[in-house]
Amino acid sequence: MKRKIFDTITNLNKKIALCLVIAGFTMMNTGFTEQENFVEEPANEIEIEQTSANEPTAIAVGENGRIKISEDDELSKALAEVVENSRDVNTTDEEPVAETQAVEVSTIEEVQPVEEIPENVIETSRGLVPYTQMYGMEATAYLPTDGSPEGITAMGIPATYGIVAVDPDVIPLGSRVYIPGYGEALAADTGGAIYGYRIDLCMESYNEAMEFGRRNVTVFVLK
């Protein structure tokens, strides 16, 4: 009898031990399976999903990873706008090119009238004086008494500085002339050696006559 009871207890212990072993393996297999089947899903970008006004105003994330917002929730809309802007900045490497507008700058300069200088004028001590003829001549100098002891010119006026002797066939007597370096003068005298393109300038002293000597000049016959 004792032998049968002992065998029964032994068999019962074996069954309990076997159940415990099976339960342990079952738990271990279940844990490993969950770990093996567990795959870390990549983090998805947050997307905005518009919901109706009947949903709660609190911000919630749906099963698809989208943020659910209410149409009447201003805070949710603002947060969604910030998320969208952040996404746009991160998805492009190109910097926005600022549109430049060409501004046309117009400068207005006051145009000063240019005084037109008429042709055939010579600048004298009296300003710009028109002339009718221009000659290149050989010039000499003489004293008032060289023509006559009285110092009277061919026109009957006294010889002095500003009186010149000319060839009347080239420059008529009584003409006003201008000689650079001498000034304005009156063609009022003649001379035996003055013919063609020659002119004799009256000086007031011997030293002036000698200093002038003989030279080529330009003679302008004034109007």
N, C-alpha and C. Protein backbone atom coordinates (compact mmCIF):
# COMPACT_ATOMS: atom_id res chain seq x y z
N MET A 1 0.83 -1.22 0.00
CA MET A 1 0.00 0.00 0.00
C MET A 1 0.86 1.27 0.00
N LYS A 2 1.86 1.25 0.85
CA LYS A 2 2.77 2.39 0.92
C LYS A 2 3.51 2.55 -0.39
N ARG A 3 3.83 1.42 -0.98
CA ARG A 3 4.55 1.48 -2.26
C ARG A 3 3.71 2.14 -3.31
N LYS A 4 2.42 1.90 -3.36
CA LYS A 4 1.53 2.48 -4.37
C LYS A 4 1.36 3.96 -4.14
N ILE A 5 1.25 4.33 -2.86
CA ILE A 5 1.10 5.76 -2.56
C ILE A 5 2.36 6.52 -2.99
N PHE A 6 3.52 5.98 -2.73
CA PHE A 6 4.78 6.61 -3.08
C PHE A 6 4.91 6.77 -4.59
N ASP A 7 4.50 5.69 -5.32
CA ASP A 7 4.58 5.77 -6.79
C ASP A 7 3.63 6.85 -7.31
N THR A 8 2.45 6.97 -6.67
CA THR A 8 1.49 7.99 -7.11
C THR A 8 2.04 9.38 -6.90
N ILE A 9 2.65 9.63 -5.72
CA ILE A 9 3.23 10.96 -5.43
C ILE A 9 4.36 11.26 -6.41
N THR A 10 5.16 10.27 -6.68
CA THR A 10 6.28 10.48 -7.60
C THR A 10 5.77 10.85 -8.97
N ASN A 11 4.75 10.11 -9.45
CA ASN A 11 4.20 10.43 -10.78
C ASN A 11 3.57 11.82 -10.79
N LEU A 12 2.92 12.17 -9.68
CA LEU A 12 2.31 13.49 -9.61
C LEU A 12 3.38 14.61 -9.66
N ASN A 13 4.48 14.40 -8.95
CA ASN A 13 5.57 15.39 -8.97
C ASN A 13 6.16 15.54 -10.37
N LYS A 14 6.29 14.38 -11.04
CA LYS A 14 6.82 14.45 -12.39
C LYS A 14 5.89 15.24 -13.29
N LYS A 15 4.57 15.03 -13.13
CA LYS A 15 3.61 15.76 -13.98
C LYS A 15 3.67 17.25 -13.69
N ILE A 16 3.73 17.60 -12.39
CA ILE A 16 3.80 19.02 -12.02
C ILE A 16 5.07 19.67 -12.58
N ALA A 17 6.19 18.94 -12.43
CA ALA A 17 7.46 19.46 -12.94
C ALA A 17 7.39 19.64 -14.44
N LEU A 18 6.78 18.65 -15.13
CA LEU A 18 6.66 18.74 -16.59
C LEU A 18 5.80 19.93 -16.98
N CYS A 19 4.71 20.14 -16.22
CA CYS A 19 3.85 21.31 -16.52
C CYS A 19 4.59 22.62 -16.33
N LEU A 20 5.39 22.66 -15.25
CA LEU A 20 6.16 23.88 -15.01
C LEU A 20 7.17 24.12 -16.12
N VAL A 21 7.81 23.03 -16.56
CA VAL A 21 8.80 23.18 -17.65
C VAL A 21 8.12 23.66 -18.91
N ILE A 22 6.95 23.04 -19.22
CA ILE A 22 6.22 23.44 -20.43
C ILE A 22 5.79 24.89 -20.35
N ALA A 23 5.29 25.28 -19.15
CA ALA A 23 4.86 26.69 -18.98
C ALA A 23 6.04 27.64 -19.14
N GLY A 24 7.18 27.23 -18.58
CA GLY A 24 8.37 28.09 -18.71
C GLY A 24 8.79 28.25 -20.15
N PHE A 25 8.85 27.12 -20.88
CA PHE A 25 9.20 27.23 -22.30
C PHE A 25 8.20 28.06 -23.08
N THR A 26 6.92 27.91 -22.70
CA THR A 26 5.90 28.70 -23.41
C THR A 26 6.11 30.19 -23.21
N MET A 27 6.41 30.59 -22.00
CA MET A 27 6.65 32.00 -21.72
C MET A 27 7.91 32.50 -22.42
N MET A 28 8.95 31.64 -22.40
CA MET A 28 10.19 32.04 -23.07
C MET A 28 9.98 32.18 -24.56
N ASN A 29 9.26 31.20 -25.14
CA ASN A 29 9.00 31.29 -26.58
C ASN A 29 8.17 32.51 -26.92
N THR A 30 7.21 32.81 -26.09
CA THR A 30 6.37 33.98 -26.35
C THR A 30 7.18 35.26 -26.29
N GLY A 31 8.09 35.39 -25.34
CA GLY A 31 8.95 36.59 -25.23
C GLY A 31 9.87 36.73 -26.40
N PHE A 32 10.54 35.63 -26.79
CA PHE A 32 11.45 35.70 -27.94
C PHE A 32 10.72 36.02 -29.21
N THR A 33 9.52 35.47 -29.32
CA THR A 33 8.76 35.73 -30.55
C THR A 33 8.41 37.19 -30.67
N GLU A 34 7.99 37.77 -29.54
CA GLU A 34 7.65 39.20 -29.58
C GLU A 34 8.86 40.03 -29.89
N GLN A 35 10.07 39.62 -29.32
CA GLN A 35 11.27 40.39 -29.60
C GLN A 35 11.69 40.23 -31.04
N GLU A 36 11.54 38.99 -31.59
CA GLU A 36 11.95 38.79 -32.99
C GLU A 36 11.01 39.50 -33.94
N ASN A 37 9.72 39.47 -33.61
CA ASN A 37 8.76 40.11 -34.51
C ASN A 37 8.71 41.60 -34.35
N PHE A 38 9.34 42.12 -33.29
CA PHE A 38 9.30 43.57 -33.07
C PHE A 38 10.29 44.26 -34.01
N VAL A 39 9.79 45.12 -34.86
CA VAL A 39 10.60 45.90 -35.81
C VAL A 39 10.37 47.36 -35.54
N GLU A 40 11.46 48.02 -35.26
CA GLU A 40 11.32 49.46 -34.97
C GLU A 40 10.94 50.20 -36.24
N GLU A 41 9.82 50.79 -36.20
CA GLU A 41 9.33 51.53 -37.37
C GLU A 41 10.03 52.87 -37.45
N PRO A 42 10.43 53.25 -38.64
CA PRO A 42 11.11 54.56 -38.78
C PRO A 42 10.16 55.68 -38.41
N ALA A 43 10.79 56.69 -37.86
CA ALA A 43 9.99 57.86 -37.46
C ALA A 43 9.47 58.56 -38.69
N ASN A 44 8.17 58.63 -38.75
CA ASN A 44 7.54 59.32 -39.88
C ASN A 44 7.44 60.80 -39.60
N GLU A 45 7.50 61.54 -40.68
CA GLU A 45 7.30 62.98 -40.53
C GLU A 45 5.86 63.25 -40.11
N ILE A 46 5.74 64.22 -39.32
CA ILE A 46 4.41 64.56 -38.81
C ILE A 46 3.62 65.22 -39.92
N GLU A 47 2.48 64.69 -40.21
CA GLU A 47 1.63 65.26 -41.23
C GLU A 47 0.36 65.80 -40.57
N ILE A 48 -0.19 66.75 -41.21
CA ILE A 48 -1.36 67.43 -40.66
C ILE A 48 -2.61 66.82 -41.28
N GLU A 49 -3.53 66.42 -40.44
CA GLU A 49 -4.82 65.89 -40.93
C GLU A 49 -5.93 66.76 -40.37
N GLN A 50 -6.68 67.37 -41.26
CA GLN A 50 -7.76 68.26 -40.86
C GLN A 50 -8.96 67.41 -40.43
N THR A 51 -9.51 67.72 -39.29
CA THR A 51 -10.68 66.99 -38.79
C THR A 51 -11.84 67.94 -38.72
N SER A 52 -12.96 67.40 -38.47
CA SER A 52 -14.16 68.22 -38.39
C SER A 52 -14.20 68.95 -37.07
N ALA A 53 -15.12 69.85 -36.97
CA ALA A 53 -15.23 70.68 -35.76
C ALA A 53 -15.79 69.90 -34.59
N ASN A 54 -16.33 68.69 -34.84
CA ASN A 54 -16.93 67.92 -33.75
C ASN A 54 -15.90 67.20 -32.90
N GLU A 55 -14.62 67.08 -33.40
CA GLU A 55 -13.62 66.36 -32.65
C GLU A 55 -13.08 67.25 -31.55
N PRO A 56 -12.40 66.67 -30.57
CA PRO A 56 -11.88 67.48 -29.44
C PRO A 56 -10.87 68.50 -29.94
N THR A 57 -10.77 69.60 -29.21
CA THR A 57 -9.86 70.67 -29.60
C THR A 57 -8.44 70.36 -29.22
N ALA A 58 -8.20 69.36 -28.39
CA ALA A 58 -6.83 69.01 -28.01
C ALA A 58 -6.13 68.38 -29.20
N ILE A 59 -4.80 68.52 -29.24
CA ILE A 59 -4.03 67.97 -30.35
C ILE A 59 -3.85 66.48 -30.12
N ALA A 60 -4.12 65.70 -31.15
CA ALA A 60 -4.00 64.25 -31.04
C ALA A 60 -3.30 63.74 -32.27
N VAL A 61 -2.67 62.58 -32.13
CA VAL A 61 -1.97 61.94 -33.23
C VAL A 61 -2.75 60.71 -33.62
N GLY A 62 -3.09 60.63 -34.91
CA GLY A 62 -3.87 59.50 -35.38
C GLY A 62 -3.01 58.28 -35.58
N GLU A 63 -3.64 57.17 -36.01
CA GLU A 63 -2.92 55.93 -36.21
C GLU A 63 -1.92 56.03 -37.34
N ASN A 64 -2.21 56.88 -38.32
CA ASN A 64 -1.31 57.03 -39.47
C ASN A 64 -0.20 58.03 -39.22
N GLY A 65 -0.07 58.53 -37.98
CA GLY A 65 1.00 59.46 -37.66
C GLY A 65 0.67 60.90 -37.95
N ARG A 66 -0.53 61.25 -38.40
CA ARG A 66 -0.93 62.62 -38.70
C ARG A 66 -1.45 63.30 -37.44
N ILE A 67 -1.21 64.58 -37.35
CA ILE A 67 -1.76 65.35 -36.24
C ILE A 67 -3.18 65.72 -36.57
N LYS A 68 -4.08 65.42 -35.68
CA LYS A 68 -5.48 65.76 -35.87
C LYS A 68 -5.77 67.08 -35.17
N ILE A 69 -6.33 68.01 -35.91
CA ILE A 69 -6.66 69.30 -35.32
C ILE A 69 -8.12 69.61 -35.62
N SER A 70 -8.63 70.48 -34.84
CA SER A 70 -10.01 70.92 -35.03
C SER A 70 -10.01 72.19 -35.85
N GLU A 71 -11.04 72.37 -36.65
CA GLU A 71 -11.14 73.55 -37.48
C GLU A 71 -11.29 74.80 -36.64
N ASP A 72 -11.87 74.68 -35.44
CA ASP A 72 -12.11 75.85 -34.60
C ASP A 72 -11.02 76.07 -33.56
N ASP A 73 -9.97 75.23 -33.57
CA ASP A 73 -8.94 75.34 -32.56
C ASP A 73 -7.80 76.18 -33.12
N GLU A 74 -7.68 77.43 -32.68
CA GLU A 74 -6.65 78.34 -33.20
C GLU A 74 -5.26 77.87 -32.79
N LEU A 75 -5.10 77.33 -31.56
CA LEU A 75 -3.80 76.85 -31.11
C LEU A 75 -3.32 75.69 -31.97
N SER A 76 -4.22 74.79 -32.29
CA SER A 76 -3.85 73.64 -33.11
C SER A 76 -3.46 74.08 -34.51
N LYS A 77 -4.21 75.04 -35.04
CA LYS A 77 -3.88 75.55 -36.39
C LYS A 77 -2.51 76.19 -36.40
N ALA A 78 -2.19 76.97 -35.37
CA ALA A 78 -0.89 77.64 -35.32
C ALA A 78 0.23 76.61 -35.25
N LEU A 79 0.05 75.57 -34.41
CA LEU A 79 1.07 74.53 -34.29
C LEU A 79 1.23 73.79 -35.61
N ALA A 80 0.14 73.53 -36.27
CA ALA A 80 0.21 72.83 -37.56
C ALA A 80 0.94 73.67 -38.58
N GLU A 81 0.72 74.97 -38.56
CA GLU A 81 1.41 75.86 -39.52
C GLU A 81 2.90 75.85 -39.26
N VAL A 82 3.31 75.84 -37.96
CA VAL A 82 4.73 75.80 -37.63
C VAL A 82 5.35 74.51 -38.13
N VAL A 83 4.65 73.40 -37.98
CA VAL A 83 5.17 72.11 -38.43
C VAL A 83 5.34 72.10 -39.94
N GLU A 84 4.37 72.64 -40.66
CA GLU A 84 4.45 72.68 -42.12
C GLU A 84 5.63 73.53 -42.57
N ASN A 85 5.83 74.68 -41.93
CA ASN A 85 6.94 75.57 -42.30
C ASN A 85 8.27 74.89 -42.04
N SER A 86 8.37 74.14 -40.90
CA SER A 86 9.61 73.43 -40.59
C SER A 86 9.89 72.37 -41.63
N ARG A 87 8.86 71.72 -42.09
CA ARG A 87 9.03 70.68 -43.10
C ARG A 87 9.52 71.28 -44.42
N ASP A 88 8.97 72.40 -44.81
CA ASP A 88 9.40 73.05 -46.06
C ASP A 88 10.85 73.47 -46.00
N VAL A 89 11.29 73.95 -44.83
CA VAL A 89 12.68 74.39 -44.70
C VAL A 89 13.63 73.21 -44.77
N ASN A 90 13.25 72.08 -44.17
CA ASN A 90 14.14 70.92 -44.09
C ASN A 90 14.19 70.14 -45.39
N THR A 91 13.21 70.27 -46.25
CA THR A 91 13.16 69.46 -47.46
C THR A 91 13.84 70.11 -48.64
N THR A 92 14.40 71.28 -48.48
CA THR A 92 15.08 71.94 -49.59
C THR A 92 16.39 72.53 -49.11
N ASP A 93 17.41 72.41 -49.96
CA ASP A 93 18.72 72.98 -49.65
C ASP A 93 18.94 74.31 -50.34
N GLU A 94 18.05 74.65 -51.25
CA GLU A 94 18.23 75.88 -52.00
C GLU A 94 17.70 77.05 -51.20
N GLU A 95 18.48 78.10 -51.17
CA GLU A 95 18.04 79.30 -50.50
C GLU A 95 17.13 80.10 -51.42
N PRO A 96 16.09 80.67 -50.86
CA PRO A 96 15.19 81.46 -51.72
C PRO A 96 15.94 82.65 -52.28
N VAL A 97 15.71 82.87 -53.55
CA VAL A 97 16.34 84.00 -54.23
C VAL A 97 15.41 85.19 -54.15
N ALA A 98 15.91 86.24 -53.57
CA ALA A 98 15.09 87.44 -53.42
C ALA A 98 14.93 88.10 -54.77
N GLU A 99 13.70 88.44 -55.07
CA GLU A 99 13.43 89.12 -56.33
C GLU A 99 13.87 90.56 -56.23
N THR A 100 14.72 90.92 -57.15
CA THR A 100 15.22 92.29 -57.15
C THR A 100 14.54 93.06 -58.25
N GLN A 101 14.17 94.22 -57.94
CA GLN A 101 13.54 95.08 -58.91
C GLN A 101 14.53 96.16 -59.31
N ALA A 102 14.70 96.28 -60.60
CA ALA A 102 15.61 97.31 -61.09
C ALA A 102 14.94 98.66 -60.96
N VAL A 103 15.60 99.51 -60.24
CA VAL A 103 15.07 100.85 -60.03
C VAL A 103 15.79 101.79 -60.97
N GLU A 104 15.06 102.36 -61.81
CA GLU A 104 15.65 103.29 -62.77
C GLU A 104 15.79 104.65 -62.11
N VAL A 105 17.04 105.07 -62.00
CA VAL A 105 17.33 106.36 -61.38
C VAL A 105 17.58 107.35 -62.49
N SER A 106 16.79 108.32 -62.50
CA SER A 106 16.94 109.36 -63.52
C SER A 106 17.54 110.58 -62.88
N THR A 107 18.59 111.03 -63.48
CA THR A 107 19.24 112.24 -63.01
C THR A 107 18.95 113.37 -63.97
N ILE A 108 18.49 114.43 -63.41
CA ILE A 108 18.14 115.59 -64.22
C ILE A 108 19.23 116.62 -64.04
N GLU A 109 19.93 116.85 -65.06
CA GLU A 109 20.98 117.84 -65.03
C GLU A 109 20.50 119.10 -65.71
N GLU A 110 20.73 120.16 -65.04
CA GLU A 110 20.34 121.43 -65.61
C GLU A 110 21.34 121.79 -66.70
N VAL A 111 20.83 121.91 -67.88
CA VAL A 111 21.67 122.20 -69.02
C VAL A 111 21.80 123.71 -69.15
N GLN A 112 23.04 124.13 -69.05
CA GLN A 112 23.29 125.55 -69.20
C GLN A 112 23.38 125.89 -70.69
N PRO A 113 22.72 126.94 -71.07
CA PRO A 113 22.79 127.33 -72.49
C PRO A 113 24.21 127.70 -72.87
N VAL A 114 24.65 127.17 -73.98
CA VAL A 114 25.99 127.45 -74.46
C VAL A 114 25.92 128.64 -75.41
N GLU A 115 26.69 129.62 -75.07
CA GLU A 115 26.69 130.81 -75.91
C GLU A 115 27.49 130.53 -77.18
N GLU A 116 26.80 130.62 -78.27
CA GLU A 116 27.44 130.36 -79.55
C GLU A 116 28.31 131.55 -79.95
N ILE A 117 29.54 131.22 -80.28
CA ILE A 117 30.46 132.25 -80.74
C ILE A 117 30.31 132.36 -82.25
N PRO A 118 29.94 133.51 -82.72
CA PRO A 118 29.78 133.65 -84.18
C PRO A 118 31.12 133.50 -84.89
N GLU A 119 31.03 133.10 -86.13
CA GLU A 119 32.25 132.95 -86.91
C GLU A 119 32.83 134.32 -87.26
N ASN A 120 34.14 134.29 -87.58
CA ASN A 120 34.85 135.50 -88.02
C ASN A 120 34.79 136.61 -86.97
N VAL A 121 35.17 136.26 -85.74
CA VAL A 121 35.29 137.25 -84.68
C VAL A 121 36.67 137.12 -84.05
N ILE A 122 37.20 138.20 -83.52
CA ILE A 122 38.48 138.20 -82.84
C ILE A 122 38.29 138.88 -81.50
N GLU A 123 38.91 138.32 -80.47
CA GLU A 123 38.77 138.89 -79.14
C GLU A 123 39.80 140.01 -78.97
N THR A 124 39.31 141.18 -78.67
CA THR A 124 40.15 142.35 -78.47
C THR A 124 39.94 142.88 -77.06
N SER A 125 40.55 144.02 -76.76
CA SER A 125 40.34 144.66 -75.47
C SER A 125 38.90 145.11 -75.30
N ARG A 126 38.18 145.25 -76.38
CA ARG A 126 36.77 145.63 -76.33
C ARG A 126 35.85 144.42 -76.38
N GLY A 127 36.42 143.22 -76.34
CA GLY A 127 35.63 142.01 -76.41
C GLY A 127 35.71 141.39 -77.78
N LEU A 128 34.69 140.60 -78.11
CA LEU A 128 34.65 139.94 -79.41
C LEU A 128 34.22 140.94 -80.48
N VAL A 129 35.06 141.05 -81.50
CA VAL A 129 34.80 142.00 -82.58
C VAL A 129 34.83 141.23 -83.89
N PRO A 130 33.82 141.34 -84.71
CA PRO A 130 33.83 140.64 -86.00
C PRO A 130 34.83 141.26 -86.98
N TYR A 131 35.32 140.47 -87.87
CA TYR A 131 36.26 140.94 -88.89
C TYR A 131 35.81 140.43 -90.26
N THR A 132 36.28 141.12 -91.26
CA THR A 132 35.90 140.77 -92.64
C THR A 132 37.02 140.06 -93.39
N GLN A 133 38.27 140.42 -93.08
CA GLN A 133 39.41 139.82 -93.76
C GLN A 133 40.49 139.48 -92.75
N MET A 134 41.30 138.50 -93.10
CA MET A 134 42.43 138.12 -92.26
C MET A 134 43.62 137.88 -93.19
N TYR A 135 44.73 138.55 -92.87
CA TYR A 135 45.92 138.45 -93.71
C TYR A 135 47.14 138.10 -92.87
N GLY A 136 48.01 137.33 -93.47
CA GLY A 136 49.32 137.12 -92.88
C GLY A 136 50.31 138.08 -93.54
N MET A 137 50.92 138.96 -92.73
CA MET A 137 51.77 140.02 -93.30
C MET A 137 53.11 140.08 -92.58
N GLU A 138 54.05 140.77 -93.26
CA GLU A 138 55.33 141.08 -92.65
C GLU A 138 55.25 142.47 -92.04
N ALA A 139 55.56 142.60 -90.79
CA ALA A 139 55.38 143.86 -90.06
C ALA A 139 56.74 144.46 -89.68
N THR A 140 56.79 145.77 -89.74
CA THR A 140 57.94 146.56 -89.28
C THR A 140 57.41 147.68 -88.40
N ALA A 141 58.33 148.45 -87.82
CA ALA A 141 57.94 149.55 -86.93
C ALA A 141 58.60 150.85 -87.41
N TYR A 142 57.93 151.99 -87.22
CA TYR A 142 58.48 153.29 -87.58
C TYR A 142 58.07 154.33 -86.55
N LEU A 143 58.79 155.51 -86.61
CA LEU A 143 58.51 156.61 -85.69
C LEU A 143 57.62 157.64 -86.38
N PRO A 144 56.89 158.49 -85.64
CA PRO A 144 55.99 159.47 -86.27
C PRO A 144 56.70 160.40 -87.27
N THR A 145 57.98 160.72 -87.06
CA THR A 145 58.68 161.66 -87.94
C THR A 145 59.37 160.98 -89.11
N ASP A 146 59.24 159.64 -89.21
CA ASP A 146 59.88 158.94 -90.32
C ASP A 146 59.17 159.25 -91.64
N GLY A 147 57.91 159.49 -91.62
CA GLY A 147 57.19 159.77 -92.85
C GLY A 147 57.37 161.20 -93.31
N SER A 148 57.28 162.13 -92.40
CA SER A 148 57.46 163.56 -92.68
C SER A 148 57.94 164.25 -91.42
N PRO A 149 58.66 165.38 -91.57
CA PRO A 149 59.13 166.06 -90.36
C PRO A 149 57.99 166.50 -89.46
N GLU A 150 56.85 166.79 -90.02
CA GLU A 150 55.72 167.23 -89.20
C GLU A 150 55.00 166.06 -88.52
N GLY A 151 55.26 164.85 -89.00
CA GLY A 151 54.60 163.68 -88.43
C GLY A 151 53.14 163.57 -88.82
N ILE A 152 52.82 163.99 -90.09
CA ILE A 152 51.44 163.92 -90.57
C ILE A 152 51.32 162.72 -91.50
N THR A 153 50.24 161.97 -91.36
CA THR A 153 50.01 160.76 -92.16
C THR A 153 49.41 161.12 -93.51
N ALA A 154 49.25 160.09 -94.36
CA ALA A 154 48.67 160.28 -95.69
C ALA A 154 47.23 160.75 -95.60
N MET A 155 46.58 160.47 -94.52
CA MET A 155 45.19 160.91 -94.36
C MET A 155 45.13 162.30 -93.70
N GLY A 156 46.30 162.89 -93.39
CA GLY A 156 46.31 164.24 -92.83
C GLY A 156 46.12 164.28 -91.33
N ILE A 157 46.29 163.19 -90.66
CA ILE A 157 46.17 163.18 -89.19
C ILE A 157 47.54 162.89 -88.61
N PRO A 158 47.80 163.29 -87.35
CA PRO A 158 49.12 163.06 -86.75
C PRO A 158 49.41 161.57 -86.59
N ALA A 159 50.66 161.20 -86.86
CA ALA A 159 51.10 159.82 -86.66
C ALA A 159 51.39 159.60 -85.19
N THR A 160 50.89 158.55 -84.65
CA THR A 160 51.10 158.20 -83.25
C THR A 160 50.88 156.70 -83.09
N TYR A 161 51.03 156.25 -81.86
CA TYR A 161 50.79 154.81 -81.60
C TYR A 161 49.33 154.50 -81.94
N GLY A 162 49.11 153.46 -82.71
CA GLY A 162 47.77 153.08 -83.13
C GLY A 162 47.48 153.45 -84.57
N ILE A 163 48.50 154.06 -85.26
CA ILE A 163 48.38 154.35 -86.67
C ILE A 163 49.31 153.41 -87.42
N VAL A 164 48.82 152.84 -88.51
CA VAL A 164 49.62 151.90 -89.29
C VAL A 164 49.61 152.35 -90.75
N ALA A 165 50.72 152.03 -91.43
CA ALA A 165 50.84 152.30 -92.85
C ALA A 165 50.61 151.00 -93.61
N VAL A 166 49.80 151.05 -94.68
CA VAL A 166 49.42 149.87 -95.43
C VAL A 166 49.47 150.17 -96.92
N ASP A 167 49.31 149.12 -97.69
CA ASP A 167 49.13 149.26 -99.13
C ASP A 167 47.63 149.43 -99.36
N PRO A 168 47.21 150.60 -99.84
CA PRO A 168 45.76 150.81 -100.02
C PRO A 168 45.10 149.82 -100.96
N ASP A 169 45.89 149.16 -101.85
CA ASP A 169 45.30 148.15 -102.73
C ASP A 169 44.94 146.86 -101.97
N VAL A 170 45.53 146.68 -100.82
CA VAL A 170 45.24 145.48 -100.01
C VAL A 170 44.27 145.85 -98.89
N ILE A 171 44.62 146.90 -98.14
CA ILE A 171 43.76 147.35 -97.04
C ILE A 171 43.44 148.83 -97.31
N PRO A 172 42.19 149.13 -97.53
CA PRO A 172 41.85 150.53 -97.82
C PRO A 172 42.16 151.44 -96.64
N LEU A 173 42.59 152.70 -96.97
CA LEU A 173 42.83 153.67 -95.90
C LEU A 173 41.53 153.94 -95.13
N GLY A 174 41.67 154.16 -93.86
CA GLY A 174 40.51 154.36 -93.00
C GLY A 174 39.95 153.08 -92.40
N SER A 175 40.53 151.93 -92.76
CA SER A 175 40.05 150.64 -92.20
C SER A 175 40.55 150.46 -90.77
N ARG A 176 39.71 149.84 -89.97
CA ARG A 176 40.12 149.47 -88.61
C ARG A 176 40.72 148.06 -88.66
N VAL A 177 41.89 147.89 -88.07
CA VAL A 177 42.55 146.59 -88.09
C VAL A 177 42.92 146.19 -86.66
N TYR A 178 43.22 144.90 -86.52
CA TYR A 178 43.67 144.39 -85.21
C TYR A 178 44.88 143.52 -85.45
N ILE A 179 45.96 143.80 -84.73
CA ILE A 179 47.20 143.02 -84.82
C ILE A 179 47.50 142.46 -83.44
N PRO A 180 47.48 141.11 -83.24
CA PRO A 180 47.83 140.52 -81.94
C PRO A 180 49.22 140.97 -81.51
N GLY A 181 49.33 141.42 -80.28
CA GLY A 181 50.59 141.92 -79.74
C GLY A 181 50.75 143.42 -79.90
N TYR A 182 49.89 144.01 -80.74
CA TYR A 182 49.94 145.47 -80.93
C TYR A 182 48.61 146.11 -80.54
N GLY A 183 47.54 145.48 -80.94
CA GLY A 183 46.23 145.98 -80.59
C GLY A 183 45.49 146.51 -81.80
N GLU A 184 44.41 147.23 -81.52
CA GLU A 184 43.62 147.83 -82.60
C GLU A 184 44.37 149.05 -83.16
N ALA A 185 44.16 149.28 -84.45
CA ALA A 185 44.85 150.40 -85.11
C ALA A 185 44.01 150.89 -86.29
N LEU A 186 44.41 152.07 -86.80
CA LEU A 186 43.74 152.68 -87.94
C LEU A 186 44.72 152.73 -89.11
N ALA A 187 44.29 152.15 -90.24
CA ALA A 187 45.11 152.21 -91.45
C ALA A 187 44.96 153.61 -92.05
N ALA A 188 45.94 154.51 -91.70
CA ALA A 188 45.82 155.92 -92.12
C ALA A 188 47.08 156.45 -92.81
N ASP A 189 48.05 155.58 -93.08
CA ASP A 189 49.30 156.07 -93.67
C ASP A 189 49.79 155.09 -94.73
N THR A 190 50.69 155.55 -95.52
CA THR A 190 51.32 154.74 -96.57
C THR A 190 52.83 154.94 -96.48
N GLY A 191 53.56 154.18 -97.29
CA GLY A 191 55.02 154.32 -97.31
C GLY A 191 55.58 153.78 -98.61
N GLY A 192 56.77 154.31 -98.98
CA GLY A 192 57.38 153.86 -100.24
C GLY A 192 57.75 152.40 -100.20
N ALA A 193 58.10 151.87 -99.06
CA ALA A 193 58.49 150.46 -98.96
C ALA A 193 57.31 149.57 -98.54
N ILE A 194 56.14 150.16 -98.30
CA ILE A 194 54.97 149.38 -97.84
C ILE A 194 54.10 149.09 -99.06
N TYR A 195 54.14 147.87 -99.51
CA TYR A 195 53.32 147.45 -100.63
C TYR A 195 53.00 145.97 -100.46
N GLY A 196 51.93 145.56 -101.07
CA GLY A 196 51.50 144.16 -100.94
C GLY A 196 51.14 143.82 -99.50
N TYR A 197 51.61 142.66 -99.09
CA TYR A 197 51.26 142.17 -97.74
C TYR A 197 52.36 142.55 -96.74
N ARG A 198 52.51 143.87 -96.65
CA ARG A 198 53.42 144.43 -95.65
C ARG A 198 52.66 145.51 -94.88
N ILE A 199 53.06 145.71 -93.63
CA ILE A 199 52.41 146.70 -92.78
C ILE A 199 53.48 147.34 -91.89
N ASP A 200 53.34 148.66 -91.63
CA ASP A 200 54.30 149.40 -90.79
C ASP A 200 53.54 149.96 -89.58
N LEU A 201 54.03 149.63 -88.40
CA LEU A 201 53.34 150.01 -87.17
C LEU A 201 54.05 151.20 -86.54
N CYS A 202 53.29 152.23 -86.22
CA CYS A 202 53.87 153.43 -85.62
C CYS A 202 54.12 153.20 -84.14
N MET A 203 55.34 153.53 -83.70
CA MET A 203 55.71 153.41 -82.29
C MET A 203 55.96 154.82 -81.72
N GLU A 204 55.99 154.94 -80.42
CA GLU A 204 56.18 156.24 -79.79
C GLU A 204 57.64 156.53 -79.48
N SER A 205 58.50 155.52 -79.47
CA SER A 205 59.91 155.76 -79.17
C SER A 205 60.79 154.87 -80.03
N TYR A 206 62.05 155.28 -80.11
CA TYR A 206 63.02 154.52 -80.90
C TYR A 206 63.24 153.14 -80.30
N ASN A 207 63.31 153.04 -79.00
CA ASN A 207 63.53 151.75 -78.33
C ASN A 207 62.39 150.76 -78.62
N GLU A 208 61.16 151.26 -78.61
CA GLU A 208 60.03 150.39 -78.93
C GLU A 208 60.12 149.88 -80.37
N ALA A 209 60.51 150.76 -81.28
CA ALA A 209 60.64 150.37 -82.68
C ALA A 209 61.72 149.32 -82.85
N MET A 210 62.86 149.52 -82.19
CA MET A 210 63.96 148.57 -82.30
C MET A 210 63.59 147.23 -81.63
N GLU A 211 62.89 147.29 -80.53
CA GLU A 211 62.49 146.05 -79.85
C GLU A 211 61.52 145.24 -80.70
N PHE A 212 60.63 145.96 -81.40
CA PHE A 212 59.66 145.24 -82.24
C PHE A 212 60.38 144.60 -83.42
N GLY A 213 61.23 145.34 -84.05
CA GLY A 213 62.01 144.82 -85.17
C GLY A 213 61.14 144.47 -86.36
N ARG A 214 61.37 143.30 -86.92
CA ARG A 214 60.63 142.81 -88.09
C ARG A 214 60.09 141.42 -87.75
N ARG A 215 58.85 141.22 -87.98
CA ARG A 215 58.23 139.93 -87.65
C ARG A 215 56.99 139.69 -88.51
N ASN A 216 56.56 138.48 -88.53
CA ASN A 216 55.32 138.12 -89.24
C ASN A 216 54.15 138.19 -88.26
N VAL A 217 53.09 138.78 -88.73
CA VAL A 217 51.90 138.96 -87.87
C VAL A 217 50.66 138.60 -88.68
N THR A 218 49.55 138.44 -87.92
CA THR A 218 48.23 138.26 -88.54
C THR A 218 47.46 139.54 -88.38
N VAL A 219 46.93 140.04 -89.49
CA VAL A 219 46.20 141.29 -89.50
C VAL A 219 44.74 141.00 -89.78
N PHE A 220 43.86 141.43 -88.86
CA PHE A 220 42.41 141.26 -89.02
C PHE A 220 41.81 142.60 -89.40
N VAL A 221 41.11 142.63 -90.49
CA VAL A 221 40.40 143.84 -90.91
C VAL A 221 39.02 143.80 -90.28
N LEU A 222 38.76 144.73 -89.36
CA LEU A 222 37.52 144.71 -88.58
C LEU A 222 36.39 145.36 -89.37
N LYS A 223 35.19 144.98 -88.96
CA LYS A 223 34.01 145.60 -89.59
C LYS A 223 33.85 147.04 -89.11
